[in-house]
Amino acid sequence: MKTLYAISGVTGMTGNELVRQILADPDGQDRVLGFDNFYASSLETVEDVIEDERFTFLEYDLNDRDQMADFEGRILSAKPDFDEVVYINCAAVVHTEHFYHVYETFETNVEGMNAFLQQAIRVGADKFINCSTSEVYSMNSWNENGGVREDDFLTLAVAEHSQRTSYATGKLLTEFFIKDAVDEGRIRGCSIRFANVYSKNERFPKHIIPHIIDSLKADGSVTLLENSKKNRRTFLHNYDSCSAVLALLASDEALDGTVYNVATDEEVTIVHLVEMIAREMKIDNPQIRFEGYRESDPERRLLATEKIRQRTGWKPVMNLEKGLAECVRNYLADME
């Protein structure tokens, strides 16, 4: 079966690895048409596949109507040559500093996502994957059963506690859009709540892993938020996040409009994360300073993943030690 993939945010952490996995078979006939505005990425993340004739990249903005109209025309023009058309929305305002910017997150994460979904429906796309976030779990992000499930009730912080929650509530709203579209029979699809995704290609030190590497490289010390004294997280390699997307696309029964957690069971404290990275960098006794405090930041965010494992057979294959080794090696190589 020949598939045409339409991917927004294609140079971001999820998008760029999706292209790599989709085109992994050199004899494959699938094609990717993707775009990005480099809000939080660069063309370097796809430099190894940019020359593949099966990949067309456009420097387009999800919120630019003219560019999106052109993108839609390109999909319609190519569609007759393929057995199915799949839309994957990876575009999002995800840098921590932007979580507090209500208008930025709403325009891209909510309005932009819905416009992309409506485009998929107009062109007659077969499937739509909506990349959401585990941030929606907010304050009740762990329970005694080993992690929050997709159907658990949520306890979100309100504006008086944290403007950051506007990012989570916006992403939560997109899950209603896709569920409605599927329930009404307009398209097949689902939403994915990713845990903290990281990539060997990350270059922005405002994300926690590159921040730690960058700081340790500078002077052997790291500054963390006060919350980090207690916080524990799971970290999901983008190879695994993307393999989950493709596993869901391969299972028509799973594309029922509902939500799937995608995460690992390897939970670590942020302090332990610093120690693991320091060990990989051959730094003994890294110095850790604590400054600042983030409101409404859950101490744990452990996700139950039985649903996707049972319905698709997916499971993560990248452990954190191996993933961090890749991150350190690539990040330091780029600094030389």
Protein backbone atom coordinates (compact mmCIF):
# COMPACT_ATOMS: atom_id res chain seq x y z
CA MET A 1 0.00 0.00 0.00
CA LYS A 2 1.31 3.44 -0.97
CA THR A 3 0.71 6.11 1.64
CA LEU A 4 0.98 9.89 1.37
CA TYR A 5 1.87 11.44 4.73
CA ALA A 6 1.09 15.09 5.49
CA ILE A 7 3.08 16.18 8.54
CA SER A 8 3.05 19.55 10.31
CA GLY A 9 6.01 20.53 12.49
CA VAL A 10 8.10 18.13 10.44
CA THR A 11 11.50 19.32 11.68
CA GLY A 12 10.51 19.12 15.34
CA MET A 13 11.38 16.25 17.66
CA THR A 14 8.50 14.02 16.60
CA GLY A 15 8.22 15.12 12.97
CA ASN A 16 11.82 14.63 11.89
CA GLU A 17 12.05 11.12 13.30
CA LEU A 18 8.72 10.20 11.71
CA VAL A 19 10.16 11.05 8.29
CA ARG A 20 13.19 8.89 9.04
CA GLN A 21 11.09 5.88 10.05
CA ILE A 22 8.59 6.25 7.22
CA LEU A 23 11.38 6.35 4.63
CA ALA A 24 13.55 3.71 6.30
CA ASP A 25 12.96 1.23 3.47
CA PRO A 26 14.99 2.57 0.50
CA ASP A 27 12.65 0.75 -1.86
CA GLY A 28 9.47 1.98 -0.19
CA GLN A 29 6.91 3.93 -2.20
CA ASP A 30 5.46 6.06 0.60
CA ARG A 31 5.90 9.81 0.36
CA VAL A 32 6.09 12.58 2.97
CA LEU A 33 4.93 16.14 2.39
CA GLY A 34 5.87 18.15 5.46
CA PHE A 35 6.30 21.71 6.63
CA ASP A 36 7.69 23.72 9.53
CA ASN A 37 8.31 27.38 10.33
CA PHE A 38 11.41 26.64 12.49
CA TYR A 39 9.75 28.11 15.58
CA ALA A 40 11.59 25.59 17.74
CA SER A 41 13.72 23.60 15.31
CA SER A 42 15.89 23.84 12.23
CA LEU A 43 16.41 22.16 8.88
CA GLU A 44 19.44 20.37 10.34
CA THR A 45 17.17 17.79 11.97
CA VAL A 46 16.22 16.39 8.55
CA GLU A 47 19.48 17.00 6.71
CA ASP A 48 20.04 13.25 6.37
CA VAL A 49 16.73 12.77 4.48
CA ILE A 50 16.23 16.13 2.78
CA GLU A 51 17.65 14.84 -0.51
CA ASP A 52 15.32 11.84 -0.59
CA GLU A 53 12.96 12.42 -3.52
CA ARG A 54 10.15 10.89 -1.49
CA PHE A 55 10.33 13.77 1.00
CA THR A 56 9.11 17.26 0.13
CA PHE A 57 9.83 19.97 2.70
CA LEU A 58 8.14 23.37 2.76
CA GLU A 59 9.04 26.28 5.04
CA TYR A 60 5.39 26.97 5.84
CA ASP A 61 3.54 28.22 8.91
CA LEU A 62 0.51 26.33 10.20
CA ASN A 63 -1.19 29.66 10.88
CA ASP A 64 -0.61 31.14 7.40
CA ARG A 65 -3.84 30.63 5.44
CA ASP A 66 -2.28 31.12 2.01
CA GLN A 67 0.48 28.64 2.70
CA MET A 68 -1.97 26.11 4.09
CA ALA A 69 -4.17 26.54 1.01
CA ASP A 70 -1.14 25.78 -1.16
CA PHE A 71 -0.32 22.76 1.00
CA GLU A 72 -3.87 21.48 0.61
CA GLY A 73 -3.60 21.87 -3.16
CA ARG A 74 -0.40 19.86 -3.21
CA ILE A 75 -2.05 17.03 -1.26
CA LEU A 76 -5.05 16.98 -3.61
CA SER A 77 -2.75 16.94 -6.63
CA ALA A 78 -0.71 14.00 -5.30
CA LYS A 79 -3.59 12.04 -3.77
CA PRO A 80 -4.62 10.04 -6.89
CA ASP A 81 -1.21 8.31 -6.91
CA PHE A 82 -1.64 6.86 -3.42
CA ASP A 83 -3.81 4.27 -1.71
CA GLU A 84 -4.31 6.34 1.42
CA VAL A 85 -3.60 9.80 2.82
CA VAL A 86 -2.53 10.23 6.46
CA TYR A 87 -2.31 13.52 8.37
CA ILE A 88 -0.10 13.81 11.47
CA ASN A 89 -0.17 17.03 13.46
CA CYS A 90 3.16 17.52 15.22
CA ALA A 91 3.11 21.33 15.22
CA ALA A 92 2.98 22.83 18.72
CA VAL A 93 4.30 25.67 20.82
CA VAL A 94 6.35 23.52 23.18
CA HIS A 95 9.26 25.50 24.61
CA THR A 96 8.79 25.88 28.36
CA GLU A 97 9.13 29.66 28.14
CA HIS A 98 6.13 29.78 25.79
CA PHE A 99 3.84 27.63 27.95
CA TYR A 100 2.78 30.84 29.69
CA HIS A 101 1.92 32.73 26.48
CA VAL A 102 -1.80 32.14 26.13
CA TYR A 103 -2.28 33.60 22.65
CA GLU A 104 0.72 31.82 21.09
CA THR A 105 -0.29 28.43 22.43
CA PHE A 106 -3.95 28.90 21.49
CA GLU A 107 -3.27 30.01 17.92
CA THR A 108 -0.99 27.11 17.04
CA ASN A 109 -2.01 24.32 19.38
CA VAL A 110 -5.78 24.82 19.15
CA GLU A 111 -6.82 26.85 16.11
CA GLY A 112 -3.95 25.59 13.97
CA MET A 113 -4.58 21.96 14.89
CA ASN A 114 -8.31 22.24 14.15
CA ALA A 115 -7.66 23.93 10.80
CA PHE A 116 -5.26 21.10 9.88
CA LEU A 117 -7.86 18.54 10.91
CA GLN A 118 -10.54 20.24 8.83
CA GLN A 119 -8.15 20.29 5.87
CA ALA A 120 -7.60 16.55 6.28
CA ILE A 121 -11.35 15.99 6.23
CA ARG A 122 -11.80 18.21 3.12
CA VAL A 123 -9.16 16.34 1.11
CA GLY A 124 -10.65 13.00 2.11
CA ALA A 125 -7.71 11.85 4.22
CA ASP A 126 -8.09 8.38 5.68
CA LYS A 127 -6.44 8.92 9.07
CA PHE A 128 -5.40 11.71 11.45
CA ILE A 129 -3.03 11.51 14.40
CA ASN A 130 -3.23 14.34 16.93
CA CYS A 131 -0.09 14.71 19.04
CA SER A 132 -1.24 15.87 22.49
CA THR A 133 0.70 15.98 25.75
CA SER A 134 0.93 14.42 29.20
CA GLU A 135 0.82 17.99 30.56
CA VAL A 136 -2.97 17.59 30.64
CA TYR A 137 -2.59 15.38 33.72
CA SER A 138 -1.28 18.37 35.65
CA MET A 139 -1.81 17.93 39.37
CA ASN A 140 -2.94 14.30 39.59
CA SER A 141 -0.21 12.77 37.53
CA TRP A 142 0.34 9.56 39.45
CA ASN A 143 -1.72 7.07 41.40
CA GLU A 144 -1.17 3.94 43.44
CA ASN A 145 -1.98 1.73 40.44
CA GLY A 146 1.24 2.71 38.70
CA GLY A 147 0.28 5.75 36.69
CA VAL A 148 -2.61 7.75 35.28
CA ARG A 149 -4.82 6.10 32.68
CA GLU A 150 -6.36 7.81 29.71
CA ASP A 151 -9.87 7.66 31.21
CA ASP A 152 -8.89 9.03 34.63
CA PHE A 153 -10.38 12.34 35.68
CA LEU A 154 -8.07 15.35 35.50
CA THR A 155 -7.26 17.99 38.08
CA LEU A 156 -5.95 21.04 36.26
CA ALA A 157 -4.49 24.14 37.88
CA VAL A 158 -6.48 27.30 37.20
CA ALA A 159 -5.17 30.66 35.96
CA GLU A 160 -4.71 31.96 39.50
CA HIS A 161 -2.16 29.20 40.09
CA SER A 162 -0.38 29.00 36.73
CA GLN A 163 -0.78 30.46 33.26
CA ARG A 164 1.27 27.47 32.16
CA THR A 165 -1.90 25.41 32.29
CA SER A 166 -3.21 27.25 29.21
CA TYR A 167 -0.88 25.02 27.19
CA ALA A 168 -2.36 21.87 28.74
CA THR A 169 -5.99 22.95 28.42
CA GLY A 170 -5.42 23.93 24.79
CA LYS A 171 -4.01 20.51 24.00
CA LEU A 172 -6.87 18.89 25.89
CA LEU A 173 -9.35 20.75 23.68
CA THR A 174 -7.75 19.31 20.54
CA GLU A 175 -8.58 15.84 21.82
CA PHE A 176 -12.27 16.82 21.70
CA PHE A 177 -11.90 17.94 18.07
CA ILE A 178 -10.53 14.61 16.88
CA LYS A 179 -13.00 12.59 18.94
CA ASP A 180 -15.90 14.55 17.47
CA ALA A 181 -14.61 14.08 13.91
CA VAL A 182 -14.24 10.32 14.42
CA ASP A 183 -17.58 9.94 16.21
CA GLU A 184 -19.28 11.77 13.32
CA GLY A 185 -17.63 9.44 10.80
CA ARG A 186 -15.62 12.15 9.03
CA ILE A 187 -12.21 10.52 9.54
CA ARG A 188 -10.42 7.84 11.56
CA GLY A 189 -7.88 8.92 14.12
CA CYS A 190 -6.84 9.37 17.73
CA SER A 191 -4.83 11.53 20.11
CA ILE A 192 -1.54 10.67 21.78
CA ARG A 193 -0.44 11.99 25.16
CA PHE A 194 3.34 11.81 25.05
CA ALA A 195 5.51 11.77 28.14
CA ASN A 196 8.57 14.07 28.19
CA VAL A 197 9.96 13.50 24.69
CA TYR A 198 13.66 14.00 24.05
CA SER A 199 15.87 13.55 21.01
CA LYS A 200 19.53 13.12 20.15
CA ASN A 201 19.04 16.09 17.80
CA GLU A 202 17.94 18.55 20.50
CA ARG A 203 19.91 21.78 20.42
CA PHE A 204 17.85 24.10 22.62
CA PRO A 205 19.22 24.28 26.19
CA LYS A 206 15.86 25.47 27.51
CA HIS A 207 14.71 21.85 27.41
CA ILE A 208 15.92 19.96 30.46
CA ILE A 209 18.31 17.41 28.91
CA PRO A 210 20.23 19.81 26.61
CA HIS A 211 20.16 22.37 29.44
CA ILE A 212 21.96 19.93 31.70
CA ILE A 213 24.50 18.96 29.03
CA ASP A 214 25.15 22.59 28.10
CA SER A 215 25.60 23.64 31.74
CA LEU A 216 27.88 20.76 32.67
CA LYS A 217 30.02 21.39 29.62
CA ALA A 218 30.41 25.04 30.61
CA ASP A 219 31.58 24.66 34.21
CA GLY A 220 30.55 21.31 35.64
CA SER A 221 27.49 22.71 37.39
CA VAL A 222 23.75 22.89 36.75
CA THR A 223 21.05 25.24 37.96
CA LEU A 224 17.65 23.60 38.48
CA LEU A 225 14.33 24.79 39.81
CA GLU A 226 13.56 24.19 43.49
CA ASN A 227 10.87 21.76 42.29
CA SER A 228 13.63 19.47 41.03
CA LYS A 229 14.47 18.42 44.58
CA LYS A 230 11.31 16.30 44.53
CA ASN A 231 10.22 15.99 40.89
CA ARG A 232 10.34 12.65 39.12
CA ARG A 233 9.71 12.12 35.40
CA THR A 234 9.82 9.52 32.65
CA PHE A 235 11.63 10.47 29.45
CA LEU A 236 10.50 9.14 26.09
CA HIS A 237 13.02 8.92 23.23
CA ASN A 238 11.58 10.28 19.99
CA TYR A 239 12.35 6.99 18.26
CA ASP A 240 9.77 5.40 20.56
CA SER A 241 7.26 8.25 20.31
CA CYS A 242 7.33 7.92 16.52
CA SER A 243 7.14 4.15 16.49
CA ALA A 244 3.99 4.55 18.61
CA VAL A 245 2.45 6.87 16.00
CA LEU A 246 3.12 4.35 13.25
CA ALA A 247 1.85 1.45 15.38
CA LEU A 248 -1.46 3.26 15.88
CA LEU A 249 -1.74 4.07 12.17
CA ALA A 250 -1.28 0.38 11.40
CA SER A 251 -4.24 -0.57 13.62
CA ASP A 252 -7.58 0.61 12.24
CA GLU A 253 -9.36 -0.58 15.39
CA ALA A 254 -7.17 1.71 17.50
CA LEU A 255 -8.19 4.79 15.50
CA ASP A 256 -11.42 5.20 17.43
CA GLY A 257 -11.08 8.87 18.42
CA THR A 258 -9.82 8.13 21.91
CA VAL A 259 -6.55 8.97 23.67
CA TYR A 260 -3.42 6.85 24.09
CA ASN A 261 -0.65 7.36 26.63
CA VAL A 262 2.84 6.84 25.24
CA ALA A 263 5.62 6.65 27.80
CA THR A 264 8.20 4.44 29.46
CA ASP A 265 8.18 2.97 32.96
CA GLU A 266 11.70 4.26 33.68
CA GLU A 267 10.99 7.01 36.21
CA VAL A 268 13.91 9.08 37.52
CA THR A 269 14.38 12.16 39.66
CA ILE A 270 15.69 15.26 37.93
CA VAL A 271 18.71 15.15 40.23
CA HIS A 272 19.41 11.57 39.15
CA LEU A 273 19.06 12.70 35.53
CA VAL A 274 21.87 15.21 36.14
CA GLU A 275 24.01 12.47 37.67
CA MET A 276 23.41 10.13 34.71
CA ILE A 277 24.39 12.82 32.20
CA ALA A 278 27.44 13.85 34.24
CA ARG A 279 28.59 10.24 34.36
CA GLU A 280 28.27 10.01 30.58
CA MET A 281 30.33 13.20 30.26
CA LYS A 282 32.99 11.82 32.66
CA ILE A 283 32.26 14.55 35.21
CA ASP A 284 32.59 13.58 38.86
CA ASN A 285 30.47 15.23 41.55
CA PRO A 286 28.47 17.70 39.42
CA GLN A 287 27.46 20.79 41.36
CA ILE A 288 23.73 21.41 41.48
CA ARG A 289 22.22 24.78 42.43
CA PHE A 290 18.51 25.35 42.98
CA GLU A 291 16.92 28.63 41.97
CA GLY A 292 13.36 29.63 41.18
CA TYR A 293 10.09 27.78 41.58
CA ARG A 294 7.43 26.68 39.10
CA GLU A 295 3.84 26.88 40.27
CA SER A 296 1.53 23.89 39.87
CA ASP A 297 4.30 21.55 38.79
CA PRO A 298 3.37 17.94 39.65
CA GLU A 299 5.98 15.97 41.56
CA ARG A 300 5.37 12.89 39.40
CA ARG A 301 3.99 12.27 35.94
CA LEU A 302 3.88 8.53 35.42
CA LEU A 303 1.62 7.31 32.61
CA ALA A 304 -0.05 3.91 32.35
CA THR A 305 0.52 2.51 28.84
CA GLU A 306 -1.46 -0.73 28.88
CA LYS A 307 -3.98 0.60 26.36
CA ILE A 308 -1.58 1.16 23.45
CA ARG A 309 0.41 -1.97 24.29
CA GLN A 310 -2.69 -4.14 24.23
CA ARG A 311 -4.22 -2.63 21.09
CA THR A 312 -1.09 -2.36 18.94
CA GLY A 313 1.70 -4.39 20.56
CA TRP A 314 3.84 -1.25 20.84
CA LYS A 315 6.50 -0.99 23.51
CA PRO A 316 9.49 1.32 23.97
CA VAL A 317 12.89 -0.01 22.94
CA MET A 318 15.17 2.88 23.96
CA ASN A 319 16.27 2.88 27.59
CA LEU A 320 17.27 6.17 29.18
CA GLU A 321 20.96 5.35 29.60
CA LYS A 322 21.37 4.60 25.90
CA GLY A 323 19.29 7.61 24.89
CA LEU A 324 21.27 10.01 27.07
CA ALA A 325 24.53 8.67 25.65
CA GLU A 326 23.28 9.59 22.16
CA CYS A 327 22.24 13.06 23.33
CA VAL A 328 25.59 13.79 24.96
CA ARG A 329 27.60 12.49 22.00
CA ASN A 330 25.65 14.50 19.42
CA TYR A 331 25.38 17.68 21.46
CA LEU A 332 29.10 17.80 22.25
CA ALA A 333 30.04 16.97 18.65
CA ASP A 334 28.08 20.01 17.47
CA MET A 335 29.85 22.24 19.99
CA GLU A 336 33.31 21.34 18.68
